[in-house]
Amino acid sequence: MTPEPGSAAPAGGQELSDLSALKALAQPRRQQILQHLTLHGPATSAMLARDLGLNTGATSYHLRELARYGFTEESSPQNRSVGGRERWWRAVPGDRRFPPRSRQNPETRLVMDELNHLSYAADLELFERLQRQGQDLGEWADAFPYSRGTIRLTPPELRAFFEEFIALLNRYKRPDSETPDGARTVLTRLLAFPAPAHPDDADDALPDDAQAPARRVPADGNQASAEGIQALDNTAETDTP
C-alpha cells in the first residue's frame, strides 16, 4: 500500500559513511569500471583495459580496491568460452545510500562533491552519445523518457517521495530467468532539489492581516517532455544495477 504523503517511509539500503570507501568510489577510473560492469555485465581486467583504454595492471588494481569495499566481486564466467585462469568481475548490486549532507563533515563533502560531479558528467556524456546514435538504436530510438516538474513538499514528504521511487524501481527488477526477450538494461536517474528562494517568500513572515504580493507560478509547472518521443531520461541515485 502506498504511504500517505509525509508519512514515515521505511528507509532501506546501506549507508556509505566510511570515508575510505567513499574515496575509493570517487576515483574517475573506478567510476568508469563500475559503469562498464553495470552496463555490459561481468568482464575480465583485460577486457576492461581494452574497452576503457587502460593497462591491465591498473585495471586489476582498481578492481581489487573496489572489491575491498564491496563494490565489485569475482564472478564465474557462466556460458563463456574462456580459459580457467581468467578472473571475471561483476558489479555488486545493492541499495547504497550516502549520508545526508547535514551529517557530512568538510572532508566528506569534498569527496561527495567530486563523486557527484563524476557521476553527473558520465551520465550526461552517455545520454548525449546514445541520442546521437539516433535511428541506429532501432525500436529503442524513442526510449528516452524525460520529465521536468515542480512540486511543493516538506522534507519528510520529499523523503517519502524518494522511497516510493525506489520501491517502484524494485517492482520492475527481476532475475534474468524471468526477463523477456528484447529487454535491455535501462538507466534511471532521479535528481530533486529545493528551488532557490524567491524574494517574495519573505511574505511568509508578514502579519496575518498584511497583504502579501502575488506569487509567481513557475513557467514549467509539471513538464513531461517528449520532443516527438525523442529525448528523455529518468534518474535515481541508488547503486542498484
Protein backbone atom coordinates (compact mmCIF):
# COMPACT_ATOMS: atom_id res chain seq x y z
CA MET A 1 0.00 0.00 0.00
CA THR A 2 1.30 3.45 -0.87
CA PRO A 3 2.05 5.51 2.25
CA GLU A 4 0.33 8.83 2.75
CA PRO A 5 2.45 11.82 1.68
CA GLY A 6 4.73 12.80 4.51
CA SER A 7 4.30 9.55 6.41
CA ALA A 8 7.39 7.75 7.58
CA ALA A 9 8.56 5.59 4.71
CA PRO A 10 10.85 2.70 5.59
CA ALA A 11 14.37 3.70 4.64
CA GLY A 12 16.20 0.76 3.16
CA GLY A 13 19.66 0.27 1.88
CA GLN A 14 23.16 0.51 3.22
CA GLU A 15 24.56 3.90 4.16
CA LEU A 16 28.11 4.50 2.99
CA SER A 17 29.56 6.55 5.81
CA ASP A 18 33.14 5.21 5.67
CA LEU A 19 35.26 8.00 4.20
CA SER A 20 37.77 5.48 2.85
CA ALA A 21 35.02 3.70 0.92
CA LEU A 22 33.74 7.00 -0.47
CA LYS A 23 37.26 7.97 -1.56
CA ALA A 24 37.68 4.58 -3.23
CA LEU A 25 34.46 5.16 -5.12
CA ALA A 26 35.20 8.77 -6.09
CA GLN A 27 38.02 7.82 -8.44
CA PRO A 28 37.43 8.51 -12.14
CA ARG A 29 38.79 5.20 -13.46
CA ARG A 30 36.82 3.21 -10.90
CA GLN A 31 33.66 5.03 -11.85
CA GLN A 32 34.32 4.05 -15.48
CA ILE A 33 34.89 0.44 -14.47
CA LEU A 34 31.70 0.29 -12.42
CA GLN A 35 29.69 1.86 -15.24
CA HIS A 36 31.07 -0.67 -17.73
CA LEU A 37 30.29 -3.63 -15.45
CA THR A 38 26.80 -2.28 -14.79
CA LEU A 39 26.02 -1.71 -18.47
CA HIS A 40 27.70 -4.73 -20.02
CA GLY A 41 27.91 -7.32 -17.27
CA PRO A 42 30.89 -9.31 -15.95
CA ALA A 43 34.29 -8.76 -17.55
CA THR A 44 37.94 -9.54 -17.05
CA SER A 45 40.57 -6.93 -16.29
CA ALA A 46 41.93 -7.39 -19.81
CA MET A 47 38.52 -6.72 -21.35
CA LEU A 48 38.05 -3.62 -19.21
CA ALA A 49 41.55 -2.37 -20.03
CA ARG A 50 40.86 -2.75 -23.76
CA ASP A 51 37.45 -1.08 -23.67
CA LEU A 52 38.47 1.77 -21.36
CA GLY A 53 41.94 2.44 -22.75
CA LEU A 54 43.78 1.40 -19.58
CA ASN A 55 46.57 -1.05 -18.90
CA THR A 56 45.68 -4.41 -17.37
CA GLY A 57 47.74 -3.84 -14.23
CA ALA A 58 45.92 -0.61 -13.38
CA THR A 59 42.54 -2.18 -14.09
CA SER A 60 43.32 -5.15 -11.84
CA TYR A 61 44.35 -2.79 -9.04
CA HIS A 62 41.17 -0.73 -9.32
CA LEU A 63 39.04 -3.88 -9.34
CA ARG A 64 40.70 -5.13 -6.15
CA GLU A 65 40.19 -1.77 -4.46
CA LEU A 66 36.52 -1.72 -5.43
CA ALA A 67 36.16 -5.30 -4.17
CA ARG A 68 37.80 -4.31 -0.89
CA TYR A 69 34.80 -2.10 -0.14
CA GLY A 70 32.17 -4.42 -1.61
CA PHE A 71 31.53 -2.63 -4.91
CA THR A 72 32.81 -5.48 -7.11
CA GLU A 73 33.39 -9.19 -6.68
CA GLU A 74 34.75 -12.10 -8.66
CA SER A 75 32.20 -13.77 -10.90
CA SER A 76 32.00 -17.18 -12.55
CA PRO A 77 32.36 -16.98 -16.35
CA GLN A 78 28.96 -18.55 -16.97
CA ASN A 79 28.39 -19.73 -20.53
CA ARG A 80 31.62 -18.09 -21.63
CA SER A 81 34.33 -19.90 -23.58
CA VAL A 82 37.37 -18.61 -21.72
CA GLY A 83 40.35 -20.16 -20.10
CA GLY A 84 40.17 -21.24 -16.49
CA ARG A 85 42.80 -18.74 -15.39
CA GLU A 86 40.72 -15.71 -16.40
CA ARG A 87 39.35 -13.78 -13.42
CA TRP A 88 35.92 -12.34 -14.11
CA TRP A 89 34.46 -9.46 -12.14
CA ARG A 90 30.98 -8.08 -11.70
CA ALA A 91 29.46 -5.02 -10.04
CA VAL A 92 27.79 -5.94 -6.75
CA PRO A 93 24.17 -4.75 -6.84
CA GLY A 94 22.68 -3.04 -3.81
CA ASP A 95 20.75 -0.10 -2.47
CA ARG A 96 23.59 2.10 -1.28
CA ARG A 97 22.84 5.44 0.35
CA PHE A 98 25.14 8.36 1.01
CA PRO A 99 24.96 10.20 4.34
CA PRO A 100 22.76 13.32 4.30
CA ARG A 101 24.72 16.49 3.65
CA SER A 102 23.83 17.81 7.11
CA ARG A 103 25.80 14.91 8.60
CA GLN A 104 28.81 15.22 6.33
CA ASN A 105 32.00 16.75 7.68
CA PRO A 106 34.00 19.08 5.40
CA GLU A 107 36.25 16.30 4.09
CA THR A 108 33.30 14.05 3.31
CA ARG A 109 31.57 16.90 1.50
CA LEU A 110 34.61 17.41 -0.73
CA VAL A 111 34.65 13.72 -1.62
CA MET A 112 30.90 13.65 -2.22
CA ASP A 113 31.08 16.76 -4.42
CA GLU A 114 33.73 15.08 -6.56
CA LEU A 115 31.76 11.83 -6.72
CA ASN A 116 28.59 13.66 -7.76
CA HIS A 117 30.48 15.65 -10.38
CA LEU A 118 31.91 12.47 -11.90
CA SER A 119 28.57 10.70 -11.85
CA TYR A 120 26.56 13.55 -13.40
CA ALA A 121 29.20 14.17 -16.08
CA ALA A 122 29.34 10.47 -17.02
CA ASP A 123 25.54 10.22 -17.17
CA LEU A 124 25.24 13.29 -19.40
CA GLU A 125 28.02 12.13 -21.72
CA LEU A 126 26.42 8.69 -22.11
CA PHE A 127 22.94 10.15 -22.62
CA GLU A 128 24.13 12.51 -25.35
CA ARG A 129 26.19 9.79 -27.04
CA LEU A 130 23.22 7.44 -27.21
CA GLN A 131 20.98 10.18 -28.59
CA ARG A 132 23.49 10.88 -31.36
CA GLN A 133 23.18 7.27 -32.47
CA GLY A 134 19.62 8.12 -33.47
CA GLN A 135 17.97 5.54 -35.67
CA ASP A 136 20.83 3.10 -35.13
CA LEU A 137 19.01 2.20 -31.91
CA GLY A 138 16.10 0.70 -33.80
CA GLU A 139 12.97 0.38 -31.67
CA TRP A 140 14.90 1.92 -28.77
CA ALA A 141 15.38 5.21 -30.61
CA ASP A 142 12.29 6.61 -28.84
CA ALA A 143 13.17 5.16 -25.44
CA PHE A 144 14.39 8.35 -23.77
CA PRO A 145 11.56 9.42 -21.41
CA TYR A 146 12.36 12.65 -19.59
CA SER A 147 10.39 14.73 -17.12
CA ARG A 148 10.90 18.15 -15.54
CA GLY A 149 8.47 19.36 -12.94
CA THR A 150 7.91 21.21 -9.69
CA ILE A 151 6.02 20.13 -6.58
CA ARG A 152 5.72 21.77 -3.17
CA LEU A 153 6.85 19.39 -0.45
CA THR A 154 8.10 19.31 3.10
CA PRO A 155 11.37 17.49 3.80
CA PRO A 156 9.50 14.44 5.20
CA GLU A 157 7.31 14.35 2.09
CA LEU A 158 10.37 14.53 -0.15
CA ARG A 159 11.93 11.60 1.73
CA ALA A 160 8.70 9.63 1.26
CA PHE A 161 8.68 10.55 -2.44
CA PHE A 162 12.21 9.21 -2.81
CA GLU A 163 11.41 5.93 -1.05
CA GLU A 164 8.34 5.44 -3.25
CA PHE A 165 10.52 5.95 -6.31
CA ILE A 166 12.99 3.31 -5.10
CA ALA A 167 10.10 0.94 -4.38
CA LEU A 168 8.85 1.46 -7.93
CA LEU A 169 12.28 0.59 -9.33
CA ASN A 170 12.39 -2.57 -7.24
CA ARG A 171 8.95 -3.61 -8.51
CA TYR A 172 10.38 -3.85 -12.01
CA LYS A 173 13.53 -5.74 -11.03
CA ARG A 174 13.54 -9.45 -11.84
CA PRO A 175 16.04 -12.27 -12.31
CA ASP A 176 17.45 -12.99 -15.75
CA SER A 177 15.36 -16.15 -15.94
CA GLU A 178 12.19 -14.03 -15.82
CA THR A 179 13.34 -11.26 -18.14
CA PRO A 180 11.60 -11.41 -21.54
CA ASP A 181 13.40 -11.42 -24.86
CA GLY A 182 14.04 -7.96 -26.20
CA ALA A 183 14.62 -6.42 -22.76
CA ARG A 184 17.78 -4.44 -22.16
CA THR A 185 19.36 -2.52 -19.32
CA VAL A 186 17.70 0.88 -18.85
CA LEU A 187 19.47 3.54 -16.80
CA THR A 188 17.25 5.50 -14.42
CA ARG A 189 18.17 8.68 -12.58
CA LEU A 190 16.30 10.86 -10.09
CA LEU A 191 17.52 14.36 -9.27
CA ALA A 192 15.45 16.53 -6.93
CA PHE A 193 16.48 19.70 -5.07
CA PRO A 194 14.82 22.74 -3.47
CA ALA A 195 14.28 25.71 -5.73
CA PRO A 196 16.18 28.92 -4.87
CA ALA A 197 14.24 31.17 -2.53
CA HIS A 198 12.37 34.00 -4.26
CA PRO A 199 12.28 37.49 -2.67
CA ASP A 200 8.51 37.21 -2.45
CA ASP A 201 8.94 34.35 0.02
CA ALA A 202 9.65 37.00 2.64
CA ASP A 203 5.90 37.46 2.88
CA ASP A 204 5.80 34.28 4.98
CA ALA A 205 6.88 36.45 7.88
CA LEU A 206 4.15 39.09 7.34
CA PRO A 207 1.35 39.51 9.89
CA ASP A 208 -1.88 37.69 9.09
CA ASP A 209 -3.64 40.95 8.14
CA ALA A 210 -0.86 42.13 5.81
CA GLN A 211 -1.33 41.94 2.06
CA ALA A 212 1.11 39.53 0.51
CA PRO A 213 2.29 40.23 -3.04
CA ALA A 214 1.15 37.89 -5.77
CA ARG A 215 3.39 34.84 -6.16
CA ARG A 216 4.77 33.82 -9.50
CA VAL A 217 3.83 30.39 -10.74
CA PRO A 218 6.85 28.56 -12.25
CA ALA A 219 6.55 28.64 -16.00
CA ASP A 220 7.31 24.97 -16.41
CA GLY A 221 4.75 23.70 -13.87
CA ASN A 222 4.95 19.97 -14.38
CA GLN A 223 6.51 19.07 -17.70
CA ALA A 224 6.85 15.75 -19.42
CA SER A 225 8.97 16.41 -22.46
CA ALA A 226 8.67 14.05 -25.38
CA GLU A 227 10.23 16.04 -28.22
CA GLY A 228 8.29 13.82 -30.57
CA ILE A 229 9.08 10.99 -28.15
CA GLN A 230 12.69 11.54 -28.83
CA ALA A 231 14.77 12.78 -25.90
CA LEU A 232 14.24 11.71 -22.36
CA ASP A 233 15.81 10.16 -19.24
CA ASN A 234 14.69 9.43 -15.68
CA THR A 235 17.16 9.49 -12.80
CA ALA A 236 17.57 7.74 -9.43
CA GLU A 237 20.72 7.58 -7.43
CA THR A 238 20.85 4.27 -5.70
CA ASP A 239 23.51 1.92 -6.89
CA THR A 240 21.27 -0.97 -7.92
CA PRO A 241 22.40 -2.47 -11.24
